[in-house]
Amino acid sequence: RSADADALLSRAVDRLPLSGRGRARVARAARTIAALAGAEQVHAEHVAEALAYRPNALE
């Protein structure tokens, strides 16, 4: 993961109701999104998209 992706994921854990398992799921989804986009590294945009798929995470 890039530094910006790590920072966004850390902020999300601090501000959103994410458990350890939830954090792992977001990270896994972000890796999948990055792979589908053809990226070699996970970036903040991939983490943001993964967070958007979580129910009630951004409300």
PDB file of N, CA and C in Angstrom:
ATOM      1  N   ARG A   1       0.850  -1.193   0.000  1.00  0.00           N
ATOM      2  CA  ARG A   1       0.000   0.000   0.000  1.00  0.00           C
ATOM      3  C   ARG A   1       0.875   1.227   0.000  1.00  0.00           C
ATOM      4  N   SER A   2       0.351   2.254  -0.610  1.00  0.00           N
ATOM      5  CA  SER A   2       1.066   3.524  -0.610  1.00  0.00           C
ATOM      6  C   SER A   2       0.840   4.232   0.722  1.00  0.00           C
ATOM      7  N   ALA A   3       1.642   5.246   0.968  1.00  0.00           N
ATOM      8  CA  ALA A   3       1.527   5.999   2.221  1.00  0.00           C
ATOM      9  C   ALA A   3       0.174   6.692   2.322  1.00  0.00           C
ATOM     10  N   ASP A   4      -0.333   7.203   1.190  1.00  0.00           N
ATOM     11  CA  ASP A   4      -1.632   7.878   1.234  1.00  0.00           C
ATOM     12  C   ASP A   4      -2.762   6.890   1.512  1.00  0.00           C
ATOM     13  N   ALA A   5      -2.640   5.669   1.026  1.00  0.00           N
ATOM     14  CA  ALA A   5      -3.646   4.642   1.303  1.00  0.00           C
ATOM     15  C   ALA A   5      -3.619   4.255   2.778  1.00  0.00           C
ATOM     16  N   ASP A   6      -2.421   4.096   3.335  1.00  0.00           N
ATOM     17  CA  ASP A   6      -2.302   3.779   4.763  1.00  0.00           C
ATOM     18  C   ASP A   6      -2.882   4.888   5.625  1.00  0.00           C
ATOM     19  N   ALA A   7      -2.611   6.128   5.251  1.00  0.00           N
ATOM     20  CA  ALA A   7      -3.117   7.265   6.025  1.00  0.00           C
ATOM     21  C   ALA A   7      -4.637   7.317   5.982  1.00  0.00           C
ATOM     22  N   LEU A   8      -5.221   7.097   4.814  1.00  0.00           N
ATOM     23  CA  LEU A   8      -6.679   7.121   4.698  1.00  0.00           C
ATOM     24  C   LEU A   8      -7.308   5.989   5.495  1.00  0.00           C
ATOM     25  N   LEU A   9      -6.733   4.811   5.431  1.00  0.00           N
ATOM     26  CA  LEU A   9      -7.270   3.679   6.186  1.00  0.00           C
ATOM     27  C   LEU A   9      -7.163   3.926   7.687  1.00  0.00           C
ATOM     28  N   SER A  10      -6.070   4.508   8.134  1.00  0.00           N
ATOM     29  CA  SER A  10      -5.916   4.834   9.557  1.00  0.00           C
ATOM     30  C   SER A  10      -6.935   5.872  10.007  1.00  0.00           C
ATOM     31  N   ARG A  11      -7.161   6.895   9.188  1.00  0.00           N
ATOM     32  CA  ARG A  11      -8.177   7.905   9.522  1.00  0.00           C
ATOM     33  C   ARG A  11      -9.564   7.289   9.564  1.00  0.00           C
ATOM     34  N   ALA A  12      -9.831   6.378   8.647  1.00  0.00           N
ATOM     35  CA  ALA A  12     -11.141   5.721   8.618  1.00  0.00           C
ATOM     36  C   ALA A  12     -11.360   4.898   9.883  1.00  0.00           C
ATOM     37  N   VAL A  13     -10.329   4.213  10.334  1.00  0.00           N
ATOM     38  CA  VAL A  13     -10.444   3.413  11.559  1.00  0.00           C
ATOM     39  C   VAL A  13     -10.714   4.318  12.758  1.00  0.00           C
ATOM     40  N   ASP A  14     -10.081   5.489  12.781  1.00  0.00           N
ATOM     41  CA  ASP A  14     -10.279   6.422  13.890  1.00  0.00           C
ATOM     42  C   ASP A  14     -11.670   7.042  13.889  1.00  0.00           C
ATOM     43  N   ARG A  15     -12.225   7.298  12.715  1.00  0.00           N
ATOM     44  CA  ARG A  15     -13.471   8.068  12.613  1.00  0.00           C
ATOM     45  C   ARG A  15     -14.715   7.230  12.372  1.00  0.00           C
ATOM     46  N   LEU A  16     -14.565   6.045  11.838  1.00  0.00           N
ATOM     47  CA  LEU A  16     -15.716   5.219  11.484  1.00  0.00           C
ATOM     48  C   LEU A  16     -15.793   4.009  12.409  1.00  0.00           C
ATOM     49  N   PRO A  17     -16.970   3.429  12.502  1.00  0.00           N
ATOM     50  CA  PRO A  17     -17.104   2.231  13.343  1.00  0.00           C
ATOM     51  C   PRO A  17     -16.536   0.993  12.636  1.00  0.00           C
ATOM     52  N   LEU A  18     -15.214   0.912  12.564  1.00  0.00           N
ATOM     53  CA  LEU A  18     -14.556  -0.222  11.924  1.00  0.00           C
ATOM     54  C   LEU A  18     -13.839  -1.059  12.972  1.00  0.00           C
ATOM     55  N   SER A  19     -14.158  -2.330  13.014  1.00  0.00           N
ATOM     56  CA  SER A  19     -13.453  -3.254  13.894  1.00  0.00           C
ATOM     57  C   SER A  19     -12.164  -3.693  13.200  1.00  0.00           C
ATOM     58  N   GLY A  20     -11.396  -4.498  13.871  1.00  0.00           N
ATOM     59  CA  GLY A  20     -10.191  -5.038  13.248  1.00  0.00           C
ATOM     60  C   GLY A  20     -10.521  -5.855  12.015  1.00  0.00           C
ATOM     61  N   ARG A  21     -11.584  -6.633  12.113  1.00  0.00           N
ATOM     62  CA  ARG A  21     -12.023  -7.430  10.969  1.00  0.00           C
ATOM     63  C   ARG A  21     -12.508  -6.522   9.836  1.00  0.00           C
ATOM     64  N   GLY A  22     -13.206  -5.453  10.192  1.00  0.00           N
ATOM     65  CA  GLY A  22     -13.679  -4.503   9.186  1.00  0.00           C
ATOM     66  C   GLY A  22     -12.527  -3.835   8.466  1.00  0.00           C
ATOM     67  N   ARG A  23     -11.487  -3.496   9.218  1.00  0.00           N
ATOM     68  CA  ARG A  23     -10.289  -2.888   8.610  1.00  0.00           C
ATOM     69  C   ARG A  23      -9.653  -3.851   7.628  1.00  0.00           C
ATOM     70  N   ALA A  24      -9.561  -5.120   8.029  1.00  0.00           N
ATOM     71  CA  ALA A  24      -8.969  -6.130   7.148  1.00  0.00           C
ATOM     72  C   ALA A  24      -9.797  -6.309   5.882  1.00  0.00           C
ATOM     73  N   ARG A  25     -11.113  -6.276   6.031  1.00  0.00           N
ATOM     74  CA  ARG A  25     -11.985  -6.428   4.859  1.00  0.00           C
ATOM     75  C   ARG A  25     -11.839  -5.248   3.902  1.00  0.00           C
ATOM     76  N   VAL A  26     -11.749  -4.047   4.456  1.00  0.00           N
ATOM     77  CA  VAL A  26     -11.564  -2.864   3.608  1.00  0.00           C
ATOM     78  C   VAL A  26     -10.224  -2.962   2.883  1.00  0.00           C
ATOM     79  N   ALA A  27      -9.180  -3.362   3.595  1.00  0.00           N
ATOM     80  CA  ALA A  27      -7.860  -3.490   2.974  1.00  0.00           C
ATOM     81  C   ALA A  27      -7.883  -4.538   1.863  1.00  0.00           C
ATOM     82  N   ARG A  28      -8.559  -5.655   2.107  1.00  0.00           N
ATOM     83  CA  ARG A  28      -8.650  -6.713   1.097  1.00  0.00           C
ATOM     84  C   ARG A  28      -9.439  -6.235  -0.125  1.00  0.00           C
ATOM     85  N   ALA A  29     -10.543  -5.548   0.122  1.00  0.00           N
ATOM     86  CA  ALA A  29     -11.343  -5.019  -0.990  1.00  0.00           C
ATOM     87  C   ALA A  29     -10.542  -3.994  -1.785  1.00  0.00           C
ATOM     88  N   ALA A  30      -9.778  -3.152  -1.090  1.00  0.00           N
ATOM     89  CA  ALA A  30      -8.956  -2.147  -1.773  1.00  0.00           C
ATOM     90  C   ALA A  30      -7.896  -2.816  -2.647  1.00  0.00           C
ATOM     91  N   ARG A  31      -7.306  -3.911  -2.160  1.00  0.00           N
ATOM     92  CA  ARG A  31      -6.328  -4.649  -2.974  1.00  0.00           C
ATOM     93  C   ARG A  31      -6.984  -5.208  -4.234  1.00  0.00           C
ATOM     94  N   THR A  32      -8.199  -5.728  -4.077  1.00  0.00           N
ATOM     95  CA  THR A  32      -8.925  -6.271  -5.225  1.00  0.00           C
ATOM     96  C   THR A  32      -9.255  -5.174  -6.227  1.00  0.00           C
ATOM     97  N   ILE A  33      -9.719  -4.035  -5.734  1.00  0.00           N
ATOM     98  CA  ILE A  33     -10.049  -2.903  -6.602  1.00  0.00           C
ATOM     99  C   ILE A  33      -8.807  -2.435  -7.353  1.00  0.00           C
ATOM    100  N   ALA A  34      -7.688  -2.362  -6.656  1.00  0.00           N
ATOM    101  CA  ALA A  34      -6.436  -1.955  -7.301  1.00  0.00           C
ATOM    102  C   ALA A  34      -6.033  -2.957  -8.381  1.00  0.00           C
ATOM    103  N   ALA A  35      -6.183  -4.238  -8.090  1.00  0.00           N
ATOM    104  CA  ALA A  35      -5.836  -5.264  -9.077  1.00  0.00           C
ATOM    105  C   ALA A  35      -6.726  -5.162 -10.309  1.00  0.00           C
ATOM    106  N   LEU A  36      -8.013  -4.938 -10.098  1.00  0.00           N
ATOM    107  CA  LEU A  36      -8.935  -4.802 -11.229  1.00  0.00           C
ATOM    108  C   LEU A  36      -8.623  -3.562 -12.063  1.00  0.00           C
ATOM    109  N   ALA A  37      -8.081  -2.539 -11.409  1.00  0.00           N
ATOM    110  CA  ALA A  37      -7.712  -1.311 -12.115  1.00  0.00           C
ATOM    111  C   ALA A  37      -6.351  -1.439 -12.798  1.00  0.00           C
ATOM    112  N   GLY A  38      -5.653  -2.535 -12.534  1.00  0.00           N
ATOM    113  CA  GLY A  38      -4.344  -2.737 -13.137  1.00  0.00           C
ATOM    114  C   GLY A  38      -3.223  -2.007 -12.418  1.00  0.00           C
ATOM    115  N   ALA A  39      -3.492  -1.555 -11.202  1.00  0.00           N
ATOM    116  CA  ALA A  39      -2.480  -0.834 -10.428  1.00  0.00           C
ATOM    117  C   ALA A  39      -1.558  -1.830  -9.730  1.00  0.00           C
ATOM    118  N   GLU A  40      -0.298  -1.476  -9.636  1.00  0.00           N
ATOM    119  CA  GLU A  40       0.656  -2.335  -8.944  1.00  0.00           C
ATOM    120  C   GLU A  40       0.620  -2.120  -7.441  1.00  0.00           C
ATOM    121  N   GLN A  41       0.052  -1.010  -7.022  1.00  0.00           N
ATOM    122  CA  GLN A  41       0.029  -0.645  -5.610  1.00  0.00           C
ATOM    123  C   GLN A  41      -1.357  -0.116  -5.259  1.00  0.00           C
ATOM    124  N   VAL A  42      -1.759  -0.313  -4.015  1.00  0.00           N
ATOM    125  CA  VAL A  42      -3.040   0.214  -3.545  1.00  0.00           C
ATOM    126  C   VAL A  42      -2.856   1.687  -3.206  1.00  0.00           C
ATOM    127  N   HIS A  43      -3.723   2.523  -3.753  1.00  0.00           N
ATOM    128  CA  HIS A  43      -3.682   3.964  -3.502  1.00  0.00           C
ATOM    129  C   HIS A  43      -4.922   4.381  -2.725  1.00  0.00           C
ATOM    130  N   ALA A  44      -4.922   5.619  -2.270  1.00  0.00           N
ATOM    131  CA  ALA A  44      -6.033   6.135  -1.467  1.00  0.00           C
ATOM    132  C   ALA A  44      -7.362   6.022  -2.208  1.00  0.00           C
ATOM    133  N   GLU A  45      -7.349   6.203  -3.513  1.00  0.00           N
ATOM    134  CA  GLU A  45      -8.606   6.113  -4.272  1.00  0.00           C
ATOM    135  C   GLU A  45      -9.204   4.711  -4.188  1.00  0.00           C
ATOM    136  N   HIS A  46      -8.363   3.691  -4.094  1.00  0.00           N
ATOM    137  CA  HIS A  46      -8.854   2.322  -3.971  1.00  0.00           C
ATOM    138  C   HIS A  46      -9.434   2.087  -2.575  1.00  0.00           C
ATOM    139  N   VAL A  47      -8.775   2.631  -1.561  1.00  0.00           N
ATOM    140  CA  VAL A  47      -9.294   2.520  -0.194  1.00  0.00           C
ATOM    141  C   VAL A  47     -10.618   3.262  -0.082  1.00  0.00           C
ATOM    142  N   ALA A  48     -10.691   4.448  -0.675  1.00  0.00           N
ATOM    143  CA  ALA A  48     -11.929   5.231  -0.629  1.00  0.00           C
ATOM    144  C   ALA A  48     -13.072   4.475  -1.296  1.00  0.00           C
ATOM    145  N   GLU A  49     -12.792   3.834  -2.409  1.00  0.00           N
ATOM    146  CA  GLU A  49     -13.845   3.067  -3.081  1.00  0.00           C
ATOM    147  C   GLU A  49     -14.270   1.879  -2.228  1.00  0.00           C
ATOM    148  N   ALA A  50     -13.314   1.203  -1.607  1.00  0.00           N
ATOM    149  CA  ALA A  50     -13.644   0.073  -0.737  1.00  0.00           C
ATOM    150  C   ALA A  50     -14.495   0.534   0.445  1.00  0.00           C
ATOM    151  N   LEU A  51     -14.172   1.688   1.008  1.00  0.00           N
ATOM    152  CA  LEU A  51     -14.967   2.229   2.115  1.00  0.00           C
ATOM    153  C   LEU A  51     -16.379   2.573   1.655  1.00  0.00           C
ATOM    154  N   ALA A  52     -16.512   3.019   0.426  1.00  0.00           N
ATOM    155  CA  ALA A  52     -17.829   3.391  -0.097  1.00  0.00           C
ATOM    156  C   ALA A  52     -18.751   2.186  -0.201  1.00  0.00           C
ATOM    157  N   TYR A  53     -18.191   0.997  -0.339  1.00  0.00           N
ATOM    158  CA  TYR A  53     -19.011  -0.209  -0.433  1.00  0.00           C
ATOM    159  C   TYR A  53     -19.474  -0.723   0.928  1.00  0.00           C
ATOM    160  N   ARG A  54     -18.904  -0.199   2.006  1.00  0.00           N
ATOM    161  CA  ARG A  54     -19.327  -0.645   3.339  1.00  0.00           C
ATOM    162  C   ARG A  54     -20.659  -0.003   3.691  1.00  0.00           C
ATOM    163  N   PRO A  55     -21.621  -0.800   4.126  1.00  0.00           N
ATOM    164  CA  PRO A  55     -22.921  -0.222   4.496  1.00  0.00           C
ATOM    165  C   PRO A  55     -22.787   0.676   5.723  1.00  0.00           C
ATOM    166  N   ASN A  56     -23.361   1.851   5.639  1.00  0.00           N
ATOM    167  CA  ASN A  56     -23.396   2.822   6.735  1.00  0.00           C
ATOM    168  C   ASN A  56     -22.035   3.358   7.152  1.00  0.00           C
ATOM    169  N   ALA A  57     -20.983   3.070   6.429  1.00  0.00           N
ATOM    170  CA  ALA A  57     -19.649   3.516   6.840  1.00  0.00           C
ATOM    171  C   ALA A  57     -19.451   5.009   6.634  1.00  0.00           C
ATOM    172  N   LEU A  58     -20.080   5.568   5.619  1.00  0.00           N
ATOM    173  CA  LEU A  58     -19.825   6.967   5.297  1.00  0.00           C
ATOM    174  C   LEU A  58     -20.964   7.881   5.709  1.00  0.00           C
ATOM    175  N   GLU A  59     -21.942   7.376   6.429  1.00  0.00           N
ATOM    176  CA  GLU A  59     -23.072   8.210   6.858  1.00  0.00           C
ATOM    177  C   GLU A  59     -22.748   8.940   8.136  1.00  0.00           C
TER     178      GLU A  59
END
